[in-house]
Protein backbone atom coordinates (compact mmCIF):
# COMPACT_ATOMS: atom_id res chain seq x y z
CA GLY A 1 -31.57 -22.47 39.67
CA ILE A 2 -31.52 -22.41 35.85
CA PRO A 3 -28.63 -24.37 34.26
CA ILE A 4 -26.25 -22.78 31.78
CA SER A 5 -27.52 -25.20 29.09
CA GLY A 6 -26.58 -24.48 25.46
CA ALA A 7 -24.85 -26.62 22.84
CA MET A 8 -23.24 -29.84 24.07
CA ASP A 9 -20.24 -29.27 21.78
CA LEU A 10 -19.61 -25.53 21.60
CA ASN A 11 -16.68 -26.08 19.23
CA LEU A 12 -18.79 -27.79 16.57
CA PHE A 13 -21.71 -25.44 17.19
CA ALA A 14 -19.47 -22.42 16.58
CA TYR A 15 -18.05 -24.03 13.45
CA ALA A 16 -21.54 -24.57 11.96
CA ASN A 17 -22.21 -20.84 12.33
CA MET A 18 -18.76 -19.89 11.08
CA VAL A 19 -19.29 -21.75 7.80
CA LEU A 20 -22.36 -19.62 7.09
CA ASP A 21 -20.75 -16.41 8.39
CA ASN A 22 -23.39 -16.20 11.14
CA GLU A 23 -22.99 -14.68 14.57
CA ASN A 24 -21.19 -17.27 16.67
CA THR A 25 -24.27 -17.60 18.91
CA GLY A 26 -26.74 -18.11 16.04
CA ALA A 27 -29.41 -20.66 17.03
CA CYS A 28 -28.82 -24.10 15.49
CA LEU A 29 -30.77 -27.35 15.61
CA GLU A 30 -28.81 -29.82 17.74
CA PHE A 31 -29.37 -33.52 17.04
CA TYR A 32 -28.21 -36.70 18.72
CA GLN A 33 -26.82 -39.41 16.44
CA GLN A 34 -29.07 -40.41 13.52
CA GLY A 35 -32.71 -40.00 12.59
CA LEU A 36 -33.17 -36.28 11.96
CA GLN A 37 -35.36 -35.48 8.94
CA VAL A 38 -36.16 -31.89 7.93
CA GLU A 39 -38.30 -30.55 5.07
CA PHE A 40 -37.62 -26.96 4.05
CA GLN A 41 -40.46 -24.62 3.16
CA GLU A 42 -38.27 -21.72 2.02
CA SER A 43 -34.96 -21.35 0.21
CA THR A 44 -31.86 -20.77 2.31
CA PHE A 45 -28.29 -21.90 2.90
CA VAL A 46 -27.45 -24.51 5.52
CA CYS A 47 -24.54 -26.35 7.07
CA VAL A 48 -24.68 -29.79 8.68
CA ALA A 49 -21.78 -29.90 11.13
CA ALA A 50 -20.55 -33.25 12.44
CA ILE A 51 -17.27 -35.05 13.08
CA ASP A 52 -18.30 -37.57 10.43
CA ALA A 53 -21.77 -38.39 9.14
CA ILE A 54 -23.84 -39.71 6.25
CA VAL A 55 -26.40 -37.06 5.28
CA SER A 56 -28.68 -36.91 2.23
CA LEU A 57 -30.65 -34.21 0.45
CA ASN A 58 -33.57 -35.51 -1.62
CA GLY A 59 -32.01 -38.98 -1.50
CA SER A 60 -28.50 -37.98 -2.63
CA GLU A 61 -25.58 -37.93 -0.22
CA ILE A 62 -24.19 -34.48 0.51
CA GLN A 63 -20.97 -33.13 1.96
CA ILE A 64 -21.05 -32.17 5.62
CA ASN A 65 -19.26 -29.16 7.13
CA SER A 66 -19.87 -27.12 4.00
CA ILE A 67 -22.30 -24.57 2.59
CA LEU A 68 -25.38 -26.14 1.02
CA LYS A 69 -28.20 -24.33 -0.81
CA VAL A 70 -31.71 -25.70 -0.21
CA LYS A 71 -35.06 -24.72 -1.66
CA ALA A 72 -38.71 -25.20 -0.75
CA GLY A 73 -39.66 -28.88 -0.73
CA ASP A 74 -36.13 -30.20 -0.19
CA VAL A 75 -35.81 -32.97 2.40
CA LEU A 76 -32.61 -33.36 4.40
CA LYS A 77 -31.93 -36.57 6.35
CA VAL A 78 -29.19 -37.46 8.83
CA LEU A 79 -28.78 -41.17 8.09
CA GLU A 80 -25.92 -41.84 10.50
CA LEU A 81 -23.33 -40.14 12.64
CA THR A 82 -20.37 -42.41 11.96
CA LYS A 83 -18.23 -40.59 14.54
CA GLY A 84 -19.25 -38.58 17.56
CA SER A 85 -22.65 -38.23 19.20
CA TRP A 86 -23.89 -34.70 18.54
CA GLY A 87 -24.33 -32.71 15.35
CA TYR A 88 -25.72 -29.31 14.33
CA LEU A 89 -27.92 -28.04 11.54
CA ALA A 90 -27.34 -24.33 10.99
CA VAL A 91 -29.23 -22.02 8.64
CA LYS A 92 -28.09 -18.65 7.31
CA ASN A 93 -28.54 -16.08 10.14
CA GLY A 94 -29.80 -18.75 12.56
CA PHE A 95 -33.22 -20.07 13.49
CA ILE A 96 -35.79 -17.66 14.90
CA SER A 97 -37.25 -18.56 18.29
CA THR A 98 -38.32 -17.02 21.58
CA LEU A 99 -35.59 -15.65 23.84
CA PHE A 100 -35.54 -16.62 27.52
CA PHE A 101 -33.11 -14.53 29.56
CA GLY A 102 -31.33 -13.69 26.31
CA SER A 103 -30.97 -17.35 25.27
CA GLN A 104 -32.59 -19.54 22.63
CA SER A 105 -31.38 -22.75 24.27
CA PHE A 106 -33.98 -25.37 25.06
CA TYR A 107 -34.56 -26.16 28.73
CA LYS A 108 -37.68 -27.85 30.09
CA ALA A 109 -38.23 -25.27 32.85
CA LEU A 110 -38.60 -22.54 30.23
CA THR A 111 -40.04 -24.27 27.17
CA SER A 112 -42.89 -26.75 27.03
CA GLN A 113 -41.25 -29.52 25.01
CA GLN A 114 -38.42 -30.62 22.80
CA LEU A 115 -38.96 -30.69 19.06
CA LYS A 116 -41.15 -33.50 17.78
CA LYS A 117 -42.52 -34.70 14.45
CA ASP A 118 -44.28 -32.00 12.37
CA ASP A 119 -42.96 -29.11 14.50
CA GLU A 120 -41.86 -26.04 12.53
CA LEU A 121 -38.85 -23.79 13.00
CA SER A 122 -38.71 -20.29 11.51
CA PHE A 123 -35.82 -18.71 9.64
CA GLU A 124 -35.28 -15.84 7.25
CA PRO A 125 -35.30 -17.05 3.60
CA PHE A 126 -32.14 -16.48 1.55
CA ILE A 127 -31.75 -16.85 -2.21
CA GLU A 128 -28.23 -15.53 -2.73
CA MET A 129 -25.19 -15.68 -0.50
CA SER A 130 -21.67 -14.47 -1.05
CA GLY A 131 -18.79 -16.39 0.40
CA GLY A 132 -15.78 -18.47 -0.46
CA LYS A 133 -14.44 -21.79 0.68
CA PRO A 134 -15.63 -22.81 4.18
CA PRO A 135 -13.03 -22.70 6.99
CA GLN A 136 -11.21 -25.98 7.60
CA PHE A 137 -12.62 -28.24 10.29
CA ASP A 138 -9.91 -29.53 12.63
CA LEU A 139 -10.73 -33.20 13.27
CA ASN A 140 -7.58 -33.57 15.38
CA TYR A 141 -9.45 -31.68 18.10
CA TYR A 142 -11.40 -34.87 18.85
CA ASP A 143 -8.61 -37.43 18.53
CA THR A 144 -7.47 -37.29 22.14
CA HIS A 145 -9.09 -39.35 24.89
CA ILE A 146 -7.06 -37.60 27.58
CA LEU A 147 -9.18 -34.84 29.08
CA GLU A 148 -7.54 -31.78 30.61
CA VAL A 149 -8.80 -30.97 34.10
CA PHE A 150 -8.18 -28.54 36.94
CA ARG A 151 -8.34 -29.32 40.65
CA GLY A 152 -11.86 -28.99 42.00
CA PRO A 153 -12.74 -27.25 45.29
CA ASP A 154 -12.69 -30.57 47.18
CA PHE A 155 -9.67 -32.17 45.50
CA HIS A 156 -7.57 -31.66 48.65
CA LYS A 157 -9.80 -34.11 50.53
CA LEU A 158 -8.57 -37.02 48.39
CA SER A 159 -5.85 -39.32 49.69
CA GLN A 160 -2.53 -39.45 47.86
CA THR A 161 -3.51 -42.92 46.61
CA LEU A 162 -6.77 -41.65 45.09
CA GLN A 163 -5.01 -38.68 43.51
CA TYR A 164 -2.50 -41.03 41.91
CA GLN A 165 -5.26 -43.32 40.62
CA LEU A 166 -7.16 -40.42 39.07
CA PHE A 167 -4.27 -39.48 36.80
CA ASN A 168 -2.75 -42.88 36.13
CA ALA A 169 -5.75 -45.18 35.61
CA GLU A 170 -7.80 -45.63 32.44
CA PHE A 171 -11.53 -45.17 32.79
CA SER A 172 -14.49 -45.75 30.49
CA LEU A 173 -17.88 -44.13 29.98
CA SER A 174 -20.97 -45.98 31.15
CA THR A 175 -24.20 -46.13 29.15
CA SER A 176 -25.64 -43.37 31.36
CA LEU A 177 -24.97 -40.38 29.09
CA ASN A 178 -27.30 -37.42 28.70
CA ARG A 179 -27.32 -33.64 28.60
CA MET A 180 -27.24 -33.47 32.40
CA ALA A 181 -24.27 -35.76 33.08
CA TYR A 182 -21.94 -38.46 31.77
CA GLN A 183 -21.03 -41.23 34.23
CA ILE A 184 -17.75 -43.12 34.55
CA GLN A 185 -18.18 -46.91 34.56
CA GLU A 186 -15.43 -47.73 37.05
CA THR A 187 -15.62 -46.91 40.77
CA LEU A 188 -12.88 -45.82 43.18
CA GLU A 189 -13.59 -46.63 46.82
CA ASN A 190 -13.36 -43.74 49.25
CA GLU A 191 -14.38 -42.64 52.71
CA LEU A 192 -15.35 -39.09 51.82
CA GLU A 193 -18.37 -37.48 53.40
CA GLU A 194 -20.91 -35.57 51.36
CA ILE A 195 -20.44 -31.81 51.46
CA ILE A 196 -22.75 -28.96 52.30
CA THR A 197 -24.47 -28.06 49.03
CA GLY A 198 -22.11 -26.01 46.87
CA PRO A 199 -22.07 -24.53 43.36
CA VAL A 200 -21.29 -26.73 40.36
CA LEU A 201 -20.73 -26.00 36.65
CA PRO A 202 -20.70 -27.92 33.38
CA GLY A 203 -17.51 -29.97 33.55
CA THR A 204 -17.53 -30.41 37.33
CA ILE A 205 -16.67 -34.00 38.31
CA GLN A 206 -18.62 -35.10 41.36
CA TYR A 207 -17.40 -38.06 43.42
CA THR A 208 -20.05 -40.05 45.27
CA SER A 209 -19.62 -41.97 48.52
CA GLY A 210 -20.15 -45.13 46.49
CA GLY A 211 -17.04 -44.35 44.43
CA LYS A 212 -18.78 -43.23 41.23
CA MET A 213 -17.60 -40.23 39.22
CA ILE A 214 -20.28 -38.09 37.60
CA ILE A 215 -19.20 -35.52 35.02
CA LEU A 216 -21.76 -32.73 34.81
CA MET A 217 -22.71 -31.53 31.34
CA ARG A 218 -24.58 -28.57 29.82
CA ASP A 219 -27.96 -29.10 31.54
CA ALA A 220 -26.44 -29.89 34.93
CA GLN A 221 -27.96 -28.57 38.14
CA VAL A 222 -26.33 -25.48 39.62
CA THR A 223 -25.65 -26.89 43.10
CA GLY A 224 -24.71 -30.32 44.45
CA GLY A 225 -23.79 -32.17 47.62
CA TYR A 226 -21.08 -34.51 46.33
CA PRO A 227 -17.39 -33.58 46.61
CA ARG A 228 -16.22 -31.68 43.50
CA ILE A 229 -12.85 -33.24 42.83
CA LEU A 230 -12.03 -32.05 39.30
CA GLN A 231 -13.17 -29.49 36.73
CA LEU A 232 -12.92 -30.14 32.99
CA SER A 233 -11.56 -27.41 30.74
CA GLU A 234 -14.00 -26.00 28.18
CA GLU A 235 -12.16 -27.87 25.44
CA ALA A 236 -12.44 -31.13 27.38
CA ILE A 237 -16.21 -30.69 27.79
CA ASN A 238 -16.58 -30.47 24.00
CA GLN A 239 -14.38 -33.52 23.50
CA LEU A 240 -16.22 -35.56 26.13
CA ALA A 241 -19.61 -34.64 24.66
CA GLN A 242 -18.71 -36.44 21.42
CA MET A 243 -17.53 -39.64 23.15
CA ARG A 244 -19.82 -42.66 23.12
CA ALA A 245 -20.58 -45.26 25.79
CA LYS A 246 -17.65 -47.56 26.64
CA THR A 247 -15.08 -45.10 25.25
CA ASN A 248 -11.83 -45.20 27.22
CA LEU A 249 -10.53 -41.95 28.68
CA GLY A 250 -8.04 -40.51 31.12
CA PHE A 251 -7.42 -37.23 32.94
CA LYS A 252 -4.49 -34.82 32.70
CA LEU A 253 -4.05 -32.26 35.45
CA ILE A 254 -3.49 -28.66 34.37
CA GLU A 255 -1.83 -26.47 36.96
CA ILE A 256 -3.07 -22.91 37.40
CA ASN A 257 -0.40 -20.30 38.01
CA SER A 258 0.11 -16.59 37.47
CA GLU A 259 1.18 -17.19 33.86
CA THR A 260 -2.01 -19.07 32.90
CA ILE A 261 -4.48 -16.76 34.63
């Protein structure tokens, strides 16, 4: 019953680690929009990864998506995410924390609380680091608002009219956005019955009897009773995670055949 969890945007999370030449699963600090403030107690190298953001170190604006050396007493602030919703603070070799089932991801069933003011995170101090120019960050990855999807297990239950609407209408995100699910604002009337509880994954699009579409995200439950009409690709989950409320979006069906498997 434990969700997959993990970083909301695995693409940006992996990039933060790549900049510092960390393992691609190195633990990062994930933050939502603005307001993060961190004081370092040891010297190390960090990367603040974001689509676009205003970040300062000791009051001076710094470059994001790059290698930054910090020392004891330095204060880093995320003043604003000007694009996207989620960002990542990575340190050289990753943060040190307790492993649960081989994971350092936060989930309330396994850890007592999310980070709060005056909490401390451990890392291994670094004074020197070799390395050249950071890898280029592909912003074009996030330009599309058309999300690639596969047919879900219950897609065949939809009428031809509903199938047409799914791939030809424009939708928008509601204000109900969190790590468990993102909801679509618009509704599509249907006469579908709820299903016997079945497995769901991050990226599964559930379709309620009231016509709402719920897109499950990283902390989603592992089973559900609503028809599972579509499944987002991994790339589409990352792209959706960075979209804000009222963003317009559409779906593009990807066919699975012997060549793509």
